[in-house]
């Protein structure tokens, strides 16, 4: 059993939607039923971080659920240069919690 998986989703295009599609597709291929059906996913998009819950059991195209820091509900994008405390808070949250059931 694995405790984590690293997926490198890269595209020539710089748009977020394409990156999310590839991340979801690559998570499905890489986890291949060896991982739990719910995982944390972090997308690095330039200098921004976006946190997601990945749910393999949801329909394709809807498996990545955006997450917000507990201290900043609704803030789905964190900037590496400006949001150090929120990023640290999210990383701590991920370590201490399991993804939730939908």
N, C-alpha and C. Protein backbone atom coordinates (compact mmCIF):
# COMPACT_ATOMS: atom_id res chain seq x y z
N UNK A 1 0.85 -1.18 0.00
CA UNK A 1 0.00 0.00 0.00
C UNK A 1 0.89 1.24 0.00
N UNK A 2 0.54 2.21 -0.80
CA UNK A 2 1.30 3.45 -0.90
C UNK A 2 0.71 4.50 0.05
N UNK A 3 1.56 5.39 0.54
CA UNK A 3 1.06 6.49 1.35
C UNK A 3 0.93 7.76 0.55
N UNK A 4 1.54 7.82 -0.63
CA UNK A 4 1.44 9.00 -1.48
C UNK A 4 1.82 8.63 -2.91
N UNK A 5 1.46 9.49 -3.82
CA UNK A 5 1.84 9.33 -5.22
C UNK A 5 2.15 10.72 -5.75
N UNK A 6 3.15 10.82 -6.60
CA UNK A 6 3.50 12.09 -7.23
C UNK A 6 3.18 11.97 -8.71
N UNK A 7 2.39 12.88 -9.21
CA UNK A 7 2.02 12.90 -10.61
C UNK A 7 2.52 14.19 -11.20
N UNK A 8 3.25 14.10 -12.28
CA UNK A 8 3.78 15.28 -12.96
C UNK A 8 2.89 15.57 -14.16
N UNK A 9 2.01 16.52 -14.03
CA UNK A 9 1.10 16.90 -15.10
C UNK A 9 1.65 18.15 -15.78
N UNK A 10 2.15 18.00 -16.98
CA UNK A 10 2.70 19.15 -17.71
C UNK A 10 2.05 19.24 -19.08
N UNK A 11 1.84 20.44 -19.52
CA UNK A 11 1.27 20.72 -20.83
C UNK A 11 1.96 21.95 -21.40
N UNK A 12 1.98 22.01 -22.71
CA UNK A 12 2.50 23.22 -23.36
C UNK A 12 1.56 24.39 -23.11
N UNK A 13 0.26 24.10 -23.05
CA UNK A 13 -0.72 25.15 -22.80
C UNK A 13 -0.60 25.61 -21.34
N UNK A 14 -0.88 26.87 -21.11
CA UNK A 14 -0.72 27.42 -19.77
C UNK A 14 -2.06 27.61 -19.07
N UNK A 15 -3.15 27.04 -19.62
CA UNK A 15 -4.43 27.29 -18.97
C UNK A 15 -4.72 26.27 -17.87
N UNK A 16 -5.40 26.72 -16.86
CA UNK A 16 -5.68 25.93 -15.67
C UNK A 16 -6.57 24.74 -15.98
N UNK A 17 -7.59 24.92 -16.80
CA UNK A 17 -8.53 23.83 -17.11
C UNK A 17 -7.80 22.64 -17.71
N UNK A 18 -6.89 22.88 -18.61
CA UNK A 18 -6.13 21.79 -19.23
C UNK A 18 -5.26 21.08 -18.18
N UNK A 19 -4.64 21.85 -17.31
CA UNK A 19 -3.83 21.26 -16.24
C UNK A 19 -4.66 20.39 -15.31
N UNK A 20 -5.86 20.85 -14.96
CA UNK A 20 -6.74 20.07 -14.09
C UNK A 20 -7.20 18.79 -14.76
N UNK A 21 -7.53 18.86 -16.04
CA UNK A 21 -7.93 17.66 -16.77
C UNK A 21 -6.81 16.63 -16.77
N UNK A 22 -5.60 17.10 -17.05
CA UNK A 22 -4.48 16.17 -17.08
C UNK A 22 -4.17 15.62 -15.69
N UNK A 23 -4.26 16.45 -14.67
CA UNK A 23 -4.02 15.98 -13.30
C UNK A 23 -5.01 14.88 -12.93
N UNK A 24 -6.29 15.12 -13.21
CA UNK A 24 -7.30 14.11 -12.89
C UNK A 24 -7.04 12.81 -13.65
N UNK A 25 -6.76 12.91 -14.92
CA UNK A 25 -6.50 11.73 -15.75
C UNK A 25 -5.26 10.98 -15.25
N UNK A 26 -4.20 11.71 -14.95
CA UNK A 26 -2.96 11.08 -14.50
C UNK A 26 -3.10 10.47 -13.12
N UNK A 27 -3.88 11.09 -12.24
CA UNK A 27 -4.13 10.49 -10.92
C UNK A 27 -4.85 9.16 -11.08
N UNK A 28 -5.80 9.10 -11.99
CA UNK A 28 -6.52 7.85 -12.21
C UNK A 28 -5.59 6.75 -12.70
N UNK A 29 -4.71 7.09 -13.63
CA UNK A 29 -3.77 6.10 -14.17
C UNK A 29 -2.76 5.68 -13.12
N UNK A 30 -2.18 6.64 -12.42
CA UNK A 30 -1.11 6.35 -11.46
C UNK A 30 -1.60 5.62 -10.22
N UNK A 31 -2.80 5.94 -9.75
CA UNK A 31 -3.28 5.28 -8.55
C UNK A 31 -3.80 3.88 -8.85
N UNK A 32 -4.40 3.68 -10.01
CA UNK A 32 -4.77 2.35 -10.51
C UNK A 32 -5.33 1.43 -9.43
N UNK A 33 -6.22 1.98 -8.63
CA UNK A 33 -6.87 1.22 -7.55
C UNK A 33 -5.93 0.74 -6.46
N UNK A 34 -4.66 1.18 -6.45
CA UNK A 34 -3.73 0.81 -5.40
C UNK A 34 -3.81 1.77 -4.22
N UNK A 35 -4.37 2.93 -4.45
CA UNK A 35 -4.49 3.95 -3.42
C UNK A 35 -5.93 4.01 -2.95
N UNK A 36 -6.17 4.66 -1.81
CA UNK A 36 -7.56 4.87 -1.39
C UNK A 36 -8.33 5.63 -2.48
N UNK A 37 -9.64 5.54 -2.46
CA UNK A 37 -10.44 6.21 -3.50
C UNK A 37 -10.49 7.72 -3.31
N UNK A 38 -10.04 8.23 -2.16
CA UNK A 38 -9.99 9.68 -1.91
C UNK A 38 -8.56 10.06 -1.52
N UNK A 39 -8.05 11.08 -2.21
CA UNK A 39 -6.68 11.54 -1.98
C UNK A 39 -6.65 13.05 -1.95
N UNK A 40 -5.58 13.59 -1.37
CA UNK A 40 -5.29 15.02 -1.50
C UNK A 40 -4.54 15.23 -2.80
N UNK A 41 -4.79 16.33 -3.46
CA UNK A 41 -4.05 16.69 -4.68
C UNK A 41 -3.67 18.16 -4.58
N UNK A 42 -2.46 18.46 -4.99
CA UNK A 42 -1.97 19.85 -5.01
C UNK A 42 -1.52 20.15 -6.43
N UNK A 43 -2.06 21.21 -7.00
CA UNK A 43 -1.67 21.63 -8.33
C UNK A 43 -0.81 22.89 -8.21
N UNK A 44 0.39 22.81 -8.73
CA UNK A 44 1.27 23.98 -8.81
C UNK A 44 1.06 24.58 -10.18
N UNK A 45 0.57 25.81 -10.23
CA UNK A 45 0.30 26.49 -11.49
C UNK A 45 1.04 27.82 -11.45
N UNK A 46 2.23 27.83 -12.03
CA UNK A 46 3.09 29.00 -11.90
C UNK A 46 3.51 29.14 -10.45
N UNK A 47 3.28 30.30 -9.86
CA UNK A 47 3.59 30.54 -8.45
C UNK A 47 2.36 30.39 -7.55
N UNK A 48 1.34 29.75 -8.08
CA UNK A 48 0.12 29.54 -7.31
C UNK A 48 -0.02 28.06 -6.95
N UNK A 49 -0.61 27.82 -5.80
CA UNK A 49 -0.96 26.46 -5.37
C UNK A 49 -2.46 26.37 -5.26
N UNK A 50 -2.98 25.26 -5.70
CA UNK A 50 -4.40 24.97 -5.57
C UNK A 50 -4.52 23.59 -4.94
N UNK A 51 -5.31 23.49 -3.91
CA UNK A 51 -5.48 22.24 -3.17
C UNK A 51 -6.83 21.63 -3.54
N UNK A 52 -6.82 20.31 -3.70
CA UNK A 52 -8.03 19.57 -4.09
C UNK A 52 -8.14 18.28 -3.30
N UNK A 53 -9.37 17.79 -3.22
CA UNK A 53 -9.62 16.42 -2.82
C UNK A 53 -9.94 15.67 -4.11
N UNK A 54 -9.25 14.56 -4.34
CA UNK A 54 -9.50 13.72 -5.51
C UNK A 54 -10.40 12.57 -5.06
N UNK A 55 -11.52 12.38 -5.76
CA UNK A 55 -12.47 11.31 -5.45
C UNK A 55 -12.62 10.43 -6.69
N UNK A 56 -11.98 9.28 -6.69
CA UNK A 56 -11.99 8.38 -7.84
C UNK A 56 -13.40 7.91 -8.17
N UNK A 57 -14.30 7.85 -7.19
CA UNK A 57 -15.64 7.31 -7.41
C UNK A 57 -16.61 8.31 -8.04
N UNK A 58 -16.22 9.56 -8.17
CA UNK A 58 -17.09 10.55 -8.82
C UNK A 58 -16.94 10.45 -10.34
N UNK A 59 -17.88 11.01 -11.11
CA UNK A 59 -17.78 10.96 -12.57
C UNK A 59 -16.54 11.71 -13.07
N UNK A 60 -16.00 11.23 -14.18
CA UNK A 60 -14.84 11.89 -14.80
C UNK A 60 -15.17 13.36 -15.05
N UNK A 61 -14.19 14.21 -14.82
CA UNK A 61 -14.38 15.64 -14.97
C UNK A 61 -14.88 16.33 -13.71
N UNK A 62 -15.24 15.54 -12.70
CA UNK A 62 -15.75 16.09 -11.45
C UNK A 62 -15.06 15.47 -10.24
N UNK A 63 -13.91 14.86 -10.45
CA UNK A 63 -13.23 14.14 -9.38
C UNK A 63 -12.35 15.01 -8.50
N UNK A 64 -12.00 16.20 -8.96
CA UNK A 64 -11.18 17.12 -8.18
C UNK A 64 -12.07 18.18 -7.55
N UNK A 65 -12.16 18.15 -6.22
CA UNK A 65 -12.99 19.09 -5.47
C UNK A 65 -12.08 20.14 -4.86
N UNK A 66 -12.25 21.44 -5.21
CA UNK A 66 -11.38 22.48 -4.65
C UNK A 66 -11.49 22.56 -3.13
N UNK A 67 -10.35 22.85 -2.50
CA UNK A 67 -10.30 23.02 -1.05
C UNK A 67 -9.83 24.43 -0.72
N UNK A 68 -10.22 24.90 0.44
CA UNK A 68 -9.77 26.20 0.95
C UNK A 68 -9.09 25.99 2.29
N UNK A 69 -8.17 26.88 2.64
CA UNK A 69 -7.60 26.81 3.99
C UNK A 69 -8.71 27.02 5.02
N UNK A 70 -8.67 26.30 6.15
CA UNK A 70 -9.69 26.50 7.18
C UNK A 70 -9.79 27.96 7.62
N UNK A 71 -8.67 28.68 7.57
CA UNK A 71 -8.69 30.08 7.99
C UNK A 71 -9.21 31.03 6.92
N UNK A 72 -9.34 30.55 5.67
CA UNK A 72 -9.75 31.40 4.54
C UNK A 72 -10.78 30.67 3.68
N UNK A 73 -11.97 30.38 4.17
CA UNK A 73 -12.97 29.68 3.36
C UNK A 73 -13.22 30.40 2.04
N UNK A 74 -13.30 29.65 0.97
CA UNK A 74 -13.56 30.23 -0.35
C UNK A 74 -12.32 30.65 -1.11
N UNK A 75 -11.16 30.67 -0.46
CA UNK A 75 -9.92 31.04 -1.15
C UNK A 75 -9.25 29.77 -1.66
N UNK A 76 -9.45 29.48 -2.95
CA UNK A 76 -8.95 28.23 -3.52
C UNK A 76 -7.55 28.35 -4.11
N UNK A 77 -7.07 29.56 -4.28
CA UNK A 77 -5.74 29.77 -4.86
C UNK A 77 -4.86 30.47 -3.85
N UNK A 78 -3.68 29.89 -3.60
CA UNK A 78 -2.71 30.50 -2.69
C UNK A 78 -1.46 30.86 -3.47
N UNK A 79 -0.94 32.03 -3.22
CA UNK A 79 0.26 32.51 -3.92
C UNK A 79 1.49 32.22 -3.05
N UNK A 80 2.48 31.57 -3.65
CA UNK A 80 3.67 31.16 -2.90
C UNK A 80 4.35 32.33 -2.21
N UNK A 81 4.38 33.47 -2.85
CA UNK A 81 5.11 34.62 -2.29
C UNK A 81 4.33 35.40 -1.25
N UNK A 82 3.01 35.25 -1.23
CA UNK A 82 2.19 36.08 -0.36
C UNK A 82 1.46 35.32 0.74
N UNK A 83 1.26 34.03 0.56
CA UNK A 83 0.38 33.28 1.45
C UNK A 83 1.11 32.17 2.20
N UNK A 84 2.28 32.48 2.75
CA UNK A 84 3.08 31.46 3.42
C UNK A 84 2.34 30.81 4.59
N UNK A 85 1.68 31.62 5.41
CA UNK A 85 0.98 31.08 6.58
C UNK A 85 -0.18 30.18 6.16
N UNK A 86 -0.94 30.60 5.14
CA UNK A 86 -2.06 29.79 4.68
C UNK A 86 -1.57 28.48 4.07
N UNK A 87 -0.46 28.52 3.33
CA UNK A 87 0.11 27.31 2.74
C UNK A 87 0.56 26.37 3.84
N UNK A 88 1.26 26.89 4.84
CA UNK A 88 1.69 26.06 5.96
C UNK A 88 0.48 25.46 6.68
N UNK A 89 -0.57 26.25 6.85
CA UNK A 89 -1.78 25.76 7.48
C UNK A 89 -2.43 24.64 6.68
N UNK A 90 -2.44 24.78 5.35
CA UNK A 90 -3.02 23.73 4.50
C UNK A 90 -2.18 22.46 4.57
N UNK A 91 -0.87 22.59 4.52
CA UNK A 91 0.00 21.41 4.59
C UNK A 91 -0.20 20.68 5.92
N UNK A 92 -0.31 21.43 7.01
CA UNK A 92 -0.55 20.83 8.32
C UNK A 92 -1.91 20.14 8.33
N UNK A 93 -2.91 20.78 7.76
CA UNK A 93 -4.25 20.20 7.69
C UNK A 93 -4.22 18.87 6.94
N UNK A 94 -3.51 18.83 5.80
CA UNK A 94 -3.45 17.61 5.00
C UNK A 94 -2.82 16.46 5.78
N UNK A 95 -1.77 16.77 6.56
CA UNK A 95 -1.09 15.74 7.33
C UNK A 95 -2.00 15.18 8.43
N UNK A 96 -2.81 16.04 9.03
CA UNK A 96 -3.61 15.64 10.19
C UNK A 96 -5.00 15.11 9.86
N UNK A 97 -5.43 15.19 8.59
CA UNK A 97 -6.79 14.83 8.23
C UNK A 97 -6.85 13.91 7.02
N UNK A 98 -7.92 13.16 6.94
CA UNK A 98 -8.21 12.31 5.79
C UNK A 98 -9.17 13.05 4.87
N UNK A 99 -9.11 12.80 3.56
CA UNK A 99 -10.14 13.40 2.68
C UNK A 99 -11.53 12.93 3.11
N UNK A 100 -12.53 13.79 2.93
CA UNK A 100 -13.88 13.48 3.38
C UNK A 100 -14.67 12.73 2.32
N UNK A 101 -15.67 12.01 2.76
CA UNK A 101 -16.57 11.33 1.84
C UNK A 101 -17.56 12.34 1.27
N UNK A 102 -17.91 12.17 0.03
CA UNK A 102 -18.88 13.05 -0.64
C UNK A 102 -20.26 12.41 -0.56
